[in-house]
Amino acid sequence: LAKELQFNEQQNEQYRLLQDEHRRNMAPIHEHDRALHDRYFKLLHGNTIDSTLVKQLADSIALNRSQTELATFYNFKKVRTICNAAQQQKFDEIIGDALRMMAPHHPDKRQP
């Protein structure tokens, strides 16, 4: 991103600090996600399924995903603030392209 936006030295330092902060913020969220998924999929091991627990864990996973999305959004918002006007326009294009690539794709109806 910094290369695409052609950050200067000061911007590169600010960007590095923002990325470090984002990694620190995301580490516990990722750890919690792994723990939740471990618990969730261990429920497959039993012969009986506690559907209430399955739902609770799925909801917890979804909430954790929400925290990931919020942290990522605000990190990108901070990155955008260190950009000049031309870089902000390029940033918006890059984010738009990334969103289009991440959008759900509809399966080709011609394939079996």
Protein backbone atom coordinates (compact mmCIF):
# COMPACT_ATOMS: atom_id res chain seq x y z
CA LEU A 1 0.00 0.00 0.00
CA ALA A 2 2.76 2.42 0.95
CA LYS A 3 4.54 1.64 -2.31
CA GLU A 4 1.38 2.08 -4.40
CA LEU A 5 0.68 5.41 -2.70
CA GLN A 6 4.33 6.48 -3.05
CA PHE A 7 4.68 7.54 0.56
CA ASN A 8 7.56 9.82 1.47
CA GLU A 9 9.91 8.97 4.32
CA GLN A 10 7.75 10.60 7.01
CA GLN A 11 4.60 8.91 5.71
CA ASN A 12 6.39 5.56 5.61
CA GLU A 13 7.31 5.95 9.28
CA GLN A 14 3.74 6.90 10.21
CA TYR A 15 2.44 3.97 8.17
CA ARG A 16 4.85 1.57 9.90
CA LEU A 17 3.67 2.80 13.30
CA LEU A 18 0.02 2.35 12.27
CA GLN A 19 0.72 -1.17 11.01
CA ASP A 20 2.49 -2.07 14.27
CA GLU A 21 -0.45 -0.71 16.25
CA HIS A 22 -2.90 -2.65 14.08
CA ARG A 23 -0.96 -5.91 14.53
CA ARG A 24 -0.93 -5.41 18.32
CA ASN A 25 -4.68 -4.73 18.31
CA MET A 26 -5.43 -7.71 16.07
CA ALA A 27 -3.31 -10.30 17.91
CA PRO A 28 -5.78 -10.92 20.77
CA ILE A 29 -8.70 -10.89 18.34
CA HIS A 30 -7.02 -13.57 16.21
CA GLU A 31 -6.14 -15.63 19.29
CA HIS A 32 -9.73 -15.45 20.47
CA ASP A 33 -10.93 -16.45 17.00
CA ARG A 34 -8.71 -19.55 17.01
CA ALA A 35 -9.93 -20.52 20.48
CA LEU A 36 -13.58 -20.07 19.48
CA HIS A 37 -13.14 -22.12 16.32
CA ASP A 38 -11.34 -24.86 18.26
CA ARG A 39 -14.25 -25.10 20.69
CA TYR A 40 -16.77 -24.89 17.85
CA PHE A 41 -15.33 -27.71 15.77
CA LYS A 42 -14.61 -29.93 18.78
CA LEU A 43 -18.38 -30.14 19.11
CA LEU A 44 -18.28 -32.39 16.03
CA HIS A 45 -16.43 -35.06 18.04
CA GLY A 46 -19.39 -36.02 20.18
CA ASN A 47 -22.31 -38.23 19.25
CA THR A 48 -24.81 -35.66 20.46
CA ILE A 49 -24.90 -32.00 19.56
CA ASP A 50 -25.87 -29.22 21.95
CA SER A 51 -27.55 -26.94 19.41
CA THR A 52 -27.69 -24.09 21.93
CA LEU A 53 -23.92 -24.21 22.41
CA VAL A 54 -23.37 -24.47 18.65
CA LYS A 55 -25.45 -21.31 18.17
CA GLN A 56 -23.72 -19.48 21.03
CA LEU A 57 -20.28 -20.25 19.63
CA ALA A 58 -21.34 -19.29 16.10
CA ASP A 59 -22.64 -15.98 17.46
CA SER A 60 -19.36 -15.44 19.35
CA ILE A 61 -17.40 -16.12 16.17
CA ALA A 62 -19.57 -13.60 14.31
CA LEU A 63 -19.05 -10.98 17.03
CA ASN A 64 -15.31 -11.58 16.93
CA ARG A 65 -15.41 -11.16 13.14
CA SER A 66 -17.20 -7.85 13.67
CA GLN A 67 -14.33 -6.71 15.91
CA THR A 68 -11.88 -7.66 13.16
CA GLU A 69 -13.84 -5.67 10.58
CA LEU A 70 -14.06 -2.60 12.84
CA ALA A 71 -10.36 -2.68 13.69
CA THR A 72 -9.47 -3.00 10.01
CA PHE A 73 -11.83 -0.19 9.00
CA TYR A 74 -10.41 2.23 11.56
CA ASN A 75 -6.86 1.25 10.68
CA PHE A 76 -7.51 2.09 7.03
CA LYS A 77 -9.17 5.34 8.09
CA LYS A 78 -5.98 6.27 9.97
CA VAL A 79 -3.82 5.34 6.98
CA ARG A 80 -5.95 7.57 4.75
CA THR A 81 -5.33 10.54 7.06
CA ILE A 82 -1.58 10.42 6.45
CA CYS A 83 -2.15 10.71 2.68
CA ASN A 84 -2.11 13.92 0.72
CA ALA A 85 -5.09 14.70 -1.53
CA ALA A 86 -3.72 12.84 -4.58
CA GLN A 87 -2.76 9.85 -2.44
CA GLN A 88 -6.23 9.83 -0.86
CA GLN A 89 -7.77 9.55 -4.32
CA LYS A 90 -5.44 6.65 -5.16
CA PHE A 91 -6.15 5.09 -1.74
CA ASP A 92 -9.89 5.21 -2.44
CA GLU A 93 -9.33 3.48 -5.79
CA ILE A 94 -7.19 0.76 -4.20
CA ILE A 95 -9.75 0.11 -1.47
CA GLY A 96 -12.56 0.07 -4.05
CA ASP A 97 -10.66 -2.49 -6.13
CA ALA A 98 -10.00 -4.62 -3.05
CA LEU A 99 -13.68 -4.56 -2.09
CA ARG A 100 -14.70 -5.66 -5.57
CA MET A 101 -12.21 -8.57 -5.40
CA MET A 102 -13.53 -9.60 -1.97
CA ALA A 103 -17.19 -9.39 -2.97
CA PRO A 104 -19.07 -12.69 -3.16
CA HIS A 105 -18.96 -14.16 -6.63
CA HIS A 106 -22.03 -15.69 -8.14
CA PRO A 107 -21.38 -19.16 -9.49
CA ASP A 108 -21.47 -19.55 -13.22
CA LYS A 109 -24.86 -21.10 -13.90
CA ARG A 110 -23.54 -22.90 -16.97
CA GLN A 111 -21.29 -25.14 -14.87
CA PRO A 112 -22.76 -28.33 -13.39
